Amino acid sequence: MTSNEYRIRELAYQIWQSEGCPEGQQERHWHMACKLAEAESLAGVQQAKPRKPVATRKAGPAAVPVAPAANGEIPAKPALKKPRATRTRPTSP
């Protein structure tokens, strides 16, 4: 079995699981997996080109992509949640 066939088999299995394990859908799942594997291989070829970096701003521990509003203004920062207080266990006597 080639690596491509193995990848298609994995994708078909994931599709089958995501649909709730229906019976009698093997061919449809296999064809969907073939299309996904083909798209993955094409995306791998296209990723060789340098990509333009996405503008980000820090919002907590992870960076969030910034998208301009419809009127061209940058949206306000979302309100961050206040961190929860840590609980301490009572010491035993």
C-alpha atoms as a PDB file:
ATOM      1  CA  MET A   1       0.000   0.000   0.000  1.00  0.00           C
ATOM      2  CA  THR A   2       1.410   3.370  -0.974  1.00  0.00           C
ATOM      3  CA  SER A   3       1.491   6.320   1.385  1.00  0.00           C
ATOM      4  CA  ASN A   4      -1.197   8.021  -0.725  1.00  0.00           C
ATOM      5  CA  GLU A   5      -3.547   5.017  -0.346  1.00  0.00           C
ATOM      6  CA  TYR A   6      -2.835   4.922   3.372  1.00  0.00           C
ATOM      7  CA  ARG A   7      -3.699   8.634   3.682  1.00  0.00           C
ATOM      8  CA  ILE A   8      -6.938   8.133   1.721  1.00  0.00           C
ATOM      9  CA  ARG A   9      -7.853   5.243   4.013  1.00  0.00           C
ATOM     10  CA  GLU A  10      -7.238   7.434   7.095  1.00  0.00           C
ATOM     11  CA  LEU A  11      -9.333  10.279   5.656  1.00  0.00           C
ATOM     12  CA  ALA A  12     -12.196   7.927   4.706  1.00  0.00           C
ATOM     13  CA  TYR A  13     -12.192   6.530   8.233  1.00  0.00           C
ATOM     14  CA  GLN A  14     -12.275  10.026   9.743  1.00  0.00           C
ATOM     15  CA  ILE A  15     -15.187  10.977   7.459  1.00  0.00           C
ATOM     16  CA  TRP A  16     -17.026   7.785   8.439  1.00  0.00           C
ATOM     17  CA  GLN A  17     -16.535   8.543  12.135  1.00  0.00           C
ATOM     18  CA  SER A  18     -17.562  12.197  11.779  1.00  0.00           C
ATOM     19  CA  GLU A  19     -20.850  11.122  10.160  1.00  0.00           C
ATOM     20  CA  GLY A  20     -21.717   8.785  13.040  1.00  0.00           C
ATOM     21  CA  CYS A  21     -20.434   5.516  11.496  1.00  0.00           C
ATOM     22  CA  PRO A  22     -23.239   4.943   8.931  1.00  0.00           C
ATOM     23  CA  GLU A  23     -23.367   1.648   7.052  1.00  0.00           C
ATOM     24  CA  GLY A  24     -23.274   1.403   3.259  1.00  0.00           C
ATOM     25  CA  GLN A  25     -21.436   4.691   2.594  1.00  0.00           C
ATOM     26  CA  GLN A  26     -17.964   3.271   1.892  1.00  0.00           C
ATOM     27  CA  GLU A  27     -17.749   4.346  -1.735  1.00  0.00           C
ATOM     28  CA  ARG A  28     -18.916   7.900  -1.015  1.00  0.00           C
ATOM     29  CA  HIS A  29     -16.449   8.211   1.869  1.00  0.00           C
ATOM     30  CA  TRP A  30     -13.626   6.834  -0.303  1.00  0.00           C
ATOM     31  CA  HIS A  31     -14.353   9.343  -3.097  1.00  0.00           C
ATOM     32  CA  MET A  32     -14.516  12.227  -0.598  1.00  0.00           C
ATOM     33  CA  ALA A  33     -11.208  11.081   0.895  1.00  0.00           C
ATOM     34  CA  CYS A  34      -9.624  10.911  -2.587  1.00  0.00           C
ATOM     35  CA  LYS A  35     -10.647  14.510  -3.238  1.00  0.00           C
ATOM     36  CA  LEU A  36      -9.299  15.627   0.151  1.00  0.00           C
ATOM     37  CA  ALA A  37      -5.985  13.830  -0.398  1.00  0.00           C
ATOM     38  CA  GLU A  38      -5.668  15.426  -3.840  1.00  0.00           C
ATOM     39  CA  ALA A  39      -6.376  18.865  -2.364  1.00  0.00           C
ATOM     40  CA  GLU A  40      -3.758  18.250   0.353  1.00  0.00           C
ATOM     41  CA  SER A  41      -1.132  17.300  -2.213  1.00  0.00           C
ATOM     42  CA  LEU A  42      -1.931  20.380  -4.327  1.00  0.00           C
ATOM     43  CA  ALA A  43      -1.783  22.593  -1.239  1.00  0.00           C
ATOM     44  CA  GLY A  44       1.625  21.131  -0.416  1.00  0.00           C
ATOM     45  CA  VAL A  45       2.905  22.130  -3.853  1.00  0.00           C
ATOM     46  CA  GLN A  46       1.452  25.633  -3.563  1.00  0.00           C
ATOM     47  CA  GLN A  47       2.906  26.173  -0.076  1.00  0.00           C
ATOM     48  CA  ALA A  48       6.376  26.262  -1.599  1.00  0.00           C
ATOM     49  CA  LYS A  49       5.622  29.858  -2.608  1.00  0.00           C
ATOM     50  CA  PRO A  50       6.348  32.499   0.055  1.00  0.00           C
ATOM     51  CA  ARG A  51       3.174  33.635   1.767  1.00  0.00           C
ATOM     52  CA  LYS A  52       2.303  37.173   2.786  1.00  0.00           C
ATOM     53  CA  PRO A  53       2.266  37.458   6.599  1.00  0.00           C
ATOM     54  CA  VAL A  54      -1.063  38.098   8.296  1.00  0.00           C
ATOM     55  CA  ALA A  55      -1.308  41.152  10.564  1.00  0.00           C
ATOM     56  CA  THR A  56      -1.948  40.102  14.167  1.00  0.00           C
ATOM     57  CA  ARG A  57      -2.378  41.699  17.514  1.00  0.00           C
ATOM     58  CA  LYS A  58      -1.897  40.148  20.912  1.00  0.00           C
ATOM     59  CA  ALA A  59      -5.057  39.280  22.815  1.00  0.00           C
ATOM     60  CA  GLY A  60      -4.081  37.226  25.806  1.00  0.00           C
ATOM     61  CA  PRO A  61      -1.801  34.241  25.274  1.00  0.00           C
ATOM     62  CA  ALA A  62      -2.547  33.792  21.547  1.00  0.00           C
ATOM     63  CA  ALA A  63      -2.374  36.170  18.609  1.00  0.00           C
ATOM     64  CA  VAL A  64      -5.676  37.048  16.912  1.00  0.00           C
ATOM     65  CA  PRO A  65      -5.845  37.973  13.211  1.00  0.00           C
ATOM     66  CA  VAL A  66      -6.956  41.551  12.610  1.00  0.00           C
ATOM     67  CA  ALA A  67      -9.636  42.151   9.998  1.00  0.00           C
ATOM     68  CA  PRO A  68     -10.678  45.684   9.089  1.00  0.00           C
ATOM     69  CA  ALA A  69     -14.348  46.556   9.544  1.00  0.00           C
ATOM     70  CA  ALA A  70     -16.584  47.167   6.541  1.00  0.00           C
ATOM     71  CA  ASN A  71     -16.085  50.923   6.848  1.00  0.00           C
ATOM     72  CA  GLY A  72     -12.276  50.562   6.908  1.00  0.00           C
ATOM     73  CA  GLU A  73     -11.825  51.162  10.649  1.00  0.00           C
ATOM     74  CA  ILE A  74     -10.015  48.726  12.892  1.00  0.00           C
ATOM     75  CA  PRO A  75     -12.422  47.220  15.431  1.00  0.00           C
ATOM     76  CA  ALA A  76     -11.939  47.917  19.146  1.00  0.00           C
ATOM     77  CA  LYS A  77     -10.138  45.384  21.325  1.00  0.00           C
ATOM     78  CA  PRO A  78     -12.458  42.786  22.841  1.00  0.00           C
ATOM     79  CA  ALA A  79     -12.886  42.972  26.600  1.00  0.00           C
ATOM     80  CA  LEU A  80     -10.718  40.377  28.301  1.00  0.00           C
ATOM     81  CA  LYS A  81     -12.131  38.274  31.102  1.00  0.00           C
ATOM     82  CA  LYS A  82     -10.839  38.816  34.601  1.00  0.00           C
ATOM     83  CA  PRO A  83      -8.780  35.801  35.720  1.00  0.00           C
ATOM     84  CA  ARG A  84     -10.382  33.544  38.301  1.00  0.00           C
ATOM     85  CA  ALA A  85      -9.026  33.542  41.815  1.00  0.00           C
ATOM     86  CA  THR A  86      -7.081  30.428  42.704  1.00  0.00           C
ATOM     87  CA  ARG A  87      -8.563  28.187  45.338  1.00  0.00           C
ATOM     88  CA  THR A  88      -6.558  27.053  48.309  1.00  0.00           C
ATOM     89  CA  ARG A  89      -7.261  23.871  50.197  1.00  0.00           C
ATOM     90  CA  PRO A  90      -7.714  24.119  53.938  1.00  0.00           C
ATOM     91  CA  THR A  91      -4.828  22.641  55.867  1.00  0.00           C
ATOM     92  CA  SER A  92      -5.598  19.639  58.029  1.00  0.00           C
ATOM     93  CA  PRO A  93      -5.127  20.028  61.804  1.00  0.00           C
END
